[in-house]
Amino acid sequence: MRLFLRIQILLLAMVLPVFESAGQMEIEEIMEQLPPEMEAKLIDPLTVEKNPVFINGEHLKFKLGWGIFSVAKTSLQTERAHYGARPALKISLKTRTNSFADAIYKVRNESTAYMARDVSMAYEYRAVQNEGGRRRNSQAFFDTEALTARYVNHHRDEERGPVRILPGTFDPLGIVFFIRCLDFDVGDELVIPTSNGKEFFYTIVRVTDKVTRKFRYGRREAYVLEPDIKDLGGVFKRSPDGNIRFFMSADEEQLPLRMESEVAVGRFWEELVGVVKPE
């Protein structure tokens, strides 16, 4: 159960690093990490056409489960804000296990991200984690002029970085909303510059299918998105057929409808159960 919950919380951010940097690097070195066949597919968040349907605010509610058991609820909310003097979008993610899961592994996690209101770059990412006996309070700061990111762990009084980033780099939470802004079709591969403050990497997501099925939020047509997990270890390394699928509604709302996977520890999932939009 503990392993499942930690994996699920990671997957919600939809960030599975495939290529990682190692310390301070120049942009030319960062680009060299990307295989030639992927370089042409690298998305520039500053110039790509986007449709941010959540720009005026949105509150998404999810249910999390492992097999037949419901174990937690997640709230994902966007609102207009300012980051210093800059107009911004604030994204808040809260995960709370239910009484059943609390008895095994209690989770009370909160993450906050600030990004440009035109959804072109990250400004800051903060994660406050309370998982079992584990505590963490960390921040990632993005300097969009110097093109660097740095990481601070307040719980351990630790600081890392700065690391070099590309223009339009996203954090592990904001990237979910950036992907929601994009137009894509079956067969597309999305390569997006990403950083958690400690390192720079590319998030690679493949659009593998388009299906119509019943979700908890209703019957919808949805794109199936699969992050590249071939280089991941742990539970995925022990599951030759393990994969992760995200279902994104194929309509103007582009809602994250479901996440599911079959891995060594079993089947886990997360589904959208409610949407609240400002009047």
Protein backbone atom coordinates (compact mmCIF):
# COMPACT_ATOMS: atom_id res chain seq x y z
CA MET A 1 0.00 0.00 0.00
CA ARG A 2 2.76 2.45 0.90
CA LEU A 3 4.57 1.80 -2.38
CA PHE A 4 1.35 2.19 -4.33
CA LEU A 5 0.50 5.55 -2.78
CA ARG A 6 3.94 6.99 -3.41
CA ILE A 7 3.84 5.85 -7.05
CA GLN A 8 0.34 7.24 -7.56
CA ILE A 9 1.23 10.65 -6.21
CA LEU A 10 4.17 10.81 -8.57
CA LEU A 11 2.11 9.75 -11.57
CA LEU A 12 -0.57 12.36 -11.00
CA ALA A 13 1.94 15.00 -12.02
CA MET A 14 2.30 13.18 -15.35
CA VAL A 15 6.06 13.66 -15.28
CA LEU A 16 8.23 10.63 -15.93
CA PRO A 17 11.81 11.78 -16.62
CA VAL A 18 13.43 9.87 -19.44
CA PHE A 19 16.53 11.94 -20.01
CA GLU A 20 18.06 13.72 -17.03
CA SER A 21 20.83 16.28 -16.65
CA ALA A 22 23.66 16.10 -14.17
CA GLY A 23 24.37 19.40 -12.47
CA GLN A 24 25.24 22.72 -14.10
CA MET A 25 25.10 22.45 -17.89
CA GLU A 26 25.02 24.74 -20.88
CA ILE A 27 21.96 24.73 -23.11
CA GLU A 28 23.96 23.13 -25.92
CA GLU A 29 24.80 20.20 -23.63
CA ILE A 30 21.17 19.90 -22.58
CA MET A 31 20.07 19.69 -26.21
CA GLU A 32 22.65 16.96 -26.86
CA GLN A 33 20.78 14.70 -24.44
CA LEU A 34 17.82 14.57 -26.80
CA PRO A 35 18.06 11.83 -29.47
CA PRO A 36 18.05 13.27 -33.02
CA GLU A 37 14.71 11.64 -33.83
CA MET A 38 13.13 13.47 -30.88
CA GLU A 39 14.70 16.88 -31.43
CA ALA A 40 12.21 17.82 -34.15
CA LYS A 41 9.36 16.93 -31.76
CA LEU A 42 10.56 19.18 -28.95
CA ILE A 43 7.74 21.62 -28.13
CA ASP A 44 8.55 25.28 -27.53
CA PRO A 45 6.01 26.42 -24.89
CA LEU A 46 6.75 30.08 -25.70
CA THR A 47 5.60 29.88 -29.32
CA VAL A 48 3.31 26.85 -29.70
CA GLU A 49 -0.38 27.66 -30.15
CA LYS A 50 -2.32 26.95 -26.95
CA ASN A 51 -5.94 26.84 -25.82
CA PRO A 52 -5.98 27.29 -22.01
CA VAL A 53 -9.60 26.42 -21.27
CA PHE A 54 -8.94 26.70 -17.52
CA ILE A 55 -7.65 30.29 -17.65
CA ASN A 56 -10.57 31.67 -15.58
CA GLY A 57 -10.31 29.01 -12.89
CA GLU A 58 -11.38 25.43 -12.40
CA HIS A 59 -11.73 22.88 -9.58
CA LEU A 60 -11.25 19.19 -10.47
CA LYS A 61 -12.03 16.39 -8.01
CA PHE A 62 -10.58 12.88 -8.29
CA LYS A 63 -10.99 9.51 -6.61
CA LEU A 64 -7.93 7.26 -6.23
CA GLY A 65 -8.02 3.51 -6.04
CA TRP A 66 -5.97 0.33 -5.87
CA GLY A 67 -7.77 -2.63 -7.40
CA ILE A 68 -11.31 -2.58 -6.01
CA PHE A 69 -10.38 -0.32 -3.08
CA SER A 70 -10.87 3.42 -2.96
CA VAL A 71 -7.98 4.89 -0.95
CA ALA A 72 -7.83 8.67 -1.39
CA LYS A 73 -9.27 11.85 -2.84
CA THR A 74 -7.47 14.55 -4.78
CA SER A 75 -8.42 18.16 -5.45
CA LEU A 76 -6.82 20.08 -8.32
CA GLN A 77 -7.64 23.76 -8.59
CA THR A 78 -6.56 26.70 -10.80
CA GLU A 79 -7.06 30.39 -10.15
CA ARG A 80 -5.80 33.71 -11.42
CA ALA A 81 -3.04 35.20 -9.29
CA HIS A 82 0.15 37.25 -9.44
CA TYR A 83 3.71 36.11 -8.96
CA GLY A 84 5.38 39.28 -7.79
CA ALA A 85 4.27 41.83 -10.36
CA ARG A 86 3.68 39.25 -13.09
CA PRO A 87 0.18 37.96 -13.92
CA ALA A 88 0.12 34.25 -13.18
CA LEU A 89 -1.95 31.11 -12.81
CA LYS A 90 -1.85 29.39 -9.44
CA ILE A 91 -2.39 25.63 -9.40
CA SER A 92 -3.15 23.84 -6.12
CA LEU A 93 -3.06 20.06 -5.69
CA LYS A 94 -4.21 18.36 -2.49
CA THR A 95 -4.22 14.61 -1.81
CA ARG A 96 -5.79 13.04 1.28
CA THR A 97 -6.14 9.34 2.05
CA ASN A 98 -9.45 8.10 3.46
CA SER A 99 -9.92 6.41 6.84
CA PHE A 100 -9.27 2.97 5.34
CA ALA A 101 -5.88 3.98 3.93
CA ASP A 102 -5.02 6.20 6.92
CA ALA A 103 -4.77 3.09 9.06
CA ILE A 104 -2.06 1.74 6.73
CA TYR A 105 -0.29 4.76 5.30
CA LYS A 106 -1.65 8.25 5.97
CA VAL A 107 -1.11 10.88 3.28
CA ARG A 108 -1.73 14.62 3.51
CA ASN A 109 0.08 16.21 0.58
CA GLU A 110 -0.18 19.66 -0.97
CA SER A 111 1.56 21.06 -4.04
CA THR A 112 1.39 24.57 -5.48
CA ALA A 113 2.65 25.83 -8.82
CA TYR A 114 2.79 29.30 -10.30
CA MET A 115 3.16 29.70 -14.05
CA ALA A 116 2.77 32.43 -16.66
CA ARG A 117 -0.87 33.18 -17.37
CA ASP A 118 -0.34 32.43 -21.08
CA VAL A 119 0.88 28.95 -20.01
CA SER A 120 4.35 29.45 -21.47
CA MET A 121 6.69 28.80 -18.51
CA ALA A 122 6.94 27.92 -14.82
CA TYR A 123 7.72 30.43 -12.07
CA GLU A 124 7.70 28.30 -8.91
CA TYR A 125 6.74 24.87 -7.63
CA ARG A 126 6.25 23.93 -3.98
CA ALA A 127 5.51 20.53 -2.43
CA VAL A 128 4.55 19.89 1.19
CA GLN A 129 4.51 16.15 1.80
CA ASN A 130 3.23 14.29 4.86
CA GLU A 131 3.32 10.59 4.01
CA GLY A 132 3.40 8.14 6.89
CA GLY A 133 6.40 9.28 8.92
CA ARG A 134 7.95 11.15 6.00
CA ARG A 135 7.96 14.95 5.90
CA ARG A 136 9.16 17.26 3.17
CA ASN A 137 8.73 20.95 2.40
CA SER A 138 10.47 21.84 -0.85
CA GLN A 139 10.42 24.57 -3.48
CA ALA A 140 11.73 24.95 -7.01
CA PHE A 141 12.38 28.47 -8.29
CA PHE A 142 12.60 29.22 -12.02
CA ASP A 143 14.66 32.20 -13.18
CA THR A 144 13.17 32.84 -16.60
CA GLU A 145 15.81 35.45 -17.51
CA ALA A 146 18.96 33.62 -16.42
CA LEU A 147 17.41 30.31 -17.59
CA THR A 148 18.19 28.45 -14.38
CA ALA A 149 16.23 26.57 -11.74
CA ARG A 150 17.16 25.88 -8.15
CA TYR A 151 15.77 23.61 -5.44
CA VAL A 152 15.31 24.25 -1.72
CA ASN A 153 14.31 21.62 0.84
CA HIS A 154 13.23 23.59 3.91
CA HIS A 155 12.82 20.48 6.05
CA ARG A 156 16.49 19.57 5.67
CA ASP A 157 17.78 23.11 5.20
CA GLU A 158 19.20 21.97 1.85
CA GLU A 159 19.66 23.88 -1.40
CA ARG A 160 20.69 22.58 -4.83
CA GLY A 161 21.40 24.23 -8.14
CA PRO A 162 21.18 26.30 -10.07
CA VAL A 163 20.76 24.01 -13.08
CA ARG A 164 20.44 25.22 -16.63
CA ILE A 165 17.00 25.03 -18.26
CA LEU A 166 15.53 25.78 -21.66
CA PRO A 167 13.16 28.70 -22.30
CA GLY A 168 9.62 27.61 -21.49
CA THR A 169 10.60 24.88 -19.04
CA PHE A 170 7.75 23.53 -16.88
CA ASP A 171 7.55 22.12 -13.38
CA PRO A 172 6.09 18.68 -12.52
CA LEU A 173 2.61 20.07 -11.80
CA GLY A 174 2.25 22.87 -14.34
CA ILE A 175 3.13 20.53 -17.19
CA VAL A 176 -0.22 18.76 -16.74
CA PHE A 177 -2.01 21.97 -17.65
CA PHE A 178 0.38 22.79 -20.46
CA ILE A 179 -0.41 19.43 -22.10
CA ARG A 180 -4.12 20.22 -21.73
CA CYS A 181 -3.57 23.36 -23.85
CA LEU A 182 -2.16 21.52 -26.85
CA ASP A 183 -3.81 20.23 -29.99
CA PHE A 184 -2.65 16.69 -30.75
CA ASP A 185 -3.75 13.55 -32.54
CA VAL A 186 -3.10 9.82 -32.45
CA GLY A 187 0.50 9.09 -33.35
CA ASP A 188 1.90 12.36 -32.01
CA GLU A 189 4.84 12.42 -29.58
CA LEU A 190 5.11 15.36 -27.17
CA VAL A 191 8.58 16.28 -25.94
CA ILE A 192 8.46 18.99 -23.28
CA PRO A 193 11.31 20.67 -21.32
CA THR A 194 10.82 20.02 -17.59
CA SER A 195 12.61 20.62 -14.29
CA ASN A 196 12.00 19.94 -10.62
CA GLY A 197 14.69 22.42 -9.57
CA LYS A 198 17.27 19.68 -8.94
CA GLU A 199 17.66 18.60 -12.55
CA PHE A 200 16.49 19.25 -16.09
CA PHE A 201 14.86 16.52 -18.17
CA TYR A 202 12.55 15.97 -21.10
CA THR A 203 9.04 14.67 -20.55
CA ILE A 204 8.03 12.44 -23.47
CA VAL A 205 4.36 11.58 -23.90
CA ARG A 206 2.97 9.54 -26.79
CA VAL A 207 -0.62 9.83 -28.06
CA THR A 208 -1.42 6.18 -28.73
CA ASP A 209 -5.17 5.95 -29.27
CA LYS A 210 -8.56 7.65 -29.30
CA VAL A 211 -11.41 5.82 -27.59
CA THR A 212 -15.02 6.29 -26.53
CA ARG A 213 -15.90 4.79 -23.17
CA LYS A 214 -17.76 5.38 -19.95
CA PHE A 215 -15.88 7.18 -17.19
CA ARG A 216 -17.06 8.15 -13.74
CA TYR A 217 -17.57 11.66 -15.14
CA GLY A 218 -19.73 10.28 -17.96
CA ARG A 219 -19.35 8.76 -21.41
CA ARG A 220 -16.65 10.61 -23.30
CA GLU A 221 -14.37 10.39 -26.30
CA ALA A 222 -10.79 10.55 -25.06
CA TYR A 223 -7.20 10.49 -26.22
CA VAL A 224 -4.92 7.90 -24.62
CA LEU A 225 -1.57 9.36 -23.55
CA GLU A 226 1.34 7.14 -22.55
CA PRO A 227 4.51 8.56 -20.96
CA ASP A 228 7.74 6.80 -21.88
CA ILE A 229 8.71 4.62 -18.90
CA LYS A 230 11.31 2.39 -20.53
CA ASP A 231 14.17 3.82 -18.47
CA LEU A 232 12.39 3.73 -15.12
CA GLY A 233 13.42 1.23 -12.47
CA GLY A 234 11.67 -0.01 -9.35
CA VAL A 235 8.19 -1.40 -9.78
CA PHE A 236 8.19 -0.81 -13.55
CA LYS A 237 11.47 -2.66 -14.03
CA ARG A 238 9.89 -5.70 -12.39
CA SER A 239 6.85 -5.49 -14.68
CA PRO A 240 7.81 -6.21 -18.33
CA ASP A 241 4.30 -5.33 -19.50
CA GLY A 242 3.79 -2.48 -17.04
CA ASN A 243 2.61 0.76 -18.58
CA ILE A 244 0.73 3.90 -17.66
CA ARG A 245 -2.20 5.39 -19.52
CA PHE A 246 -3.83 8.78 -19.17
CA PHE A 247 -7.22 9.50 -20.74
CA MET A 248 -7.71 13.13 -21.83
CA SER A 249 -11.15 14.15 -23.07
CA ALA A 250 -11.15 14.84 -26.82
CA ASP A 251 -13.23 17.99 -26.58
CA GLU A 252 -12.79 21.68 -25.79
CA GLU A 253 -12.47 21.01 -22.05
CA GLN A 254 -9.55 18.55 -22.48
CA LEU A 255 -10.20 17.13 -19.02
CA PRO A 256 -7.90 14.55 -17.40
CA LEU A 257 -10.50 11.79 -17.06
CA ARG A 258 -8.49 8.82 -15.82
CA MET A 259 -5.04 7.45 -15.06
CA GLU A 260 -4.47 3.69 -14.84
CA SER A 261 -1.65 1.16 -14.76
CA GLU A 262 -0.88 -2.50 -14.27
CA VAL A 263 2.43 -3.05 -12.48
CA ALA A 264 4.11 -5.44 -10.04
CA VAL A 265 2.13 -4.17 -7.04
CA GLY A 266 -1.22 -4.51 -8.83
CA ARG A 267 -3.68 -2.30 -10.65
CA PHE A 268 -4.05 1.30 -9.61
CA TRP A 269 -6.19 4.08 -11.01
CA GLU A 270 -7.42 7.62 -10.56
CA GLU A 271 -10.61 9.07 -12.02
CA LEU A 272 -12.22 12.46 -12.34
CA VAL A 273 -15.49 12.57 -10.42
CA GLY A 274 -16.39 16.27 -10.40
CA VAL A 275 -15.71 19.62 -12.06
CA VAL A 276 -16.56 23.03 -10.59
CA LYS A 277 -16.11 26.12 -12.76
CA PRO A 278 -16.49 29.77 -11.71
CA GLU A 279 -19.77 31.41 -12.62
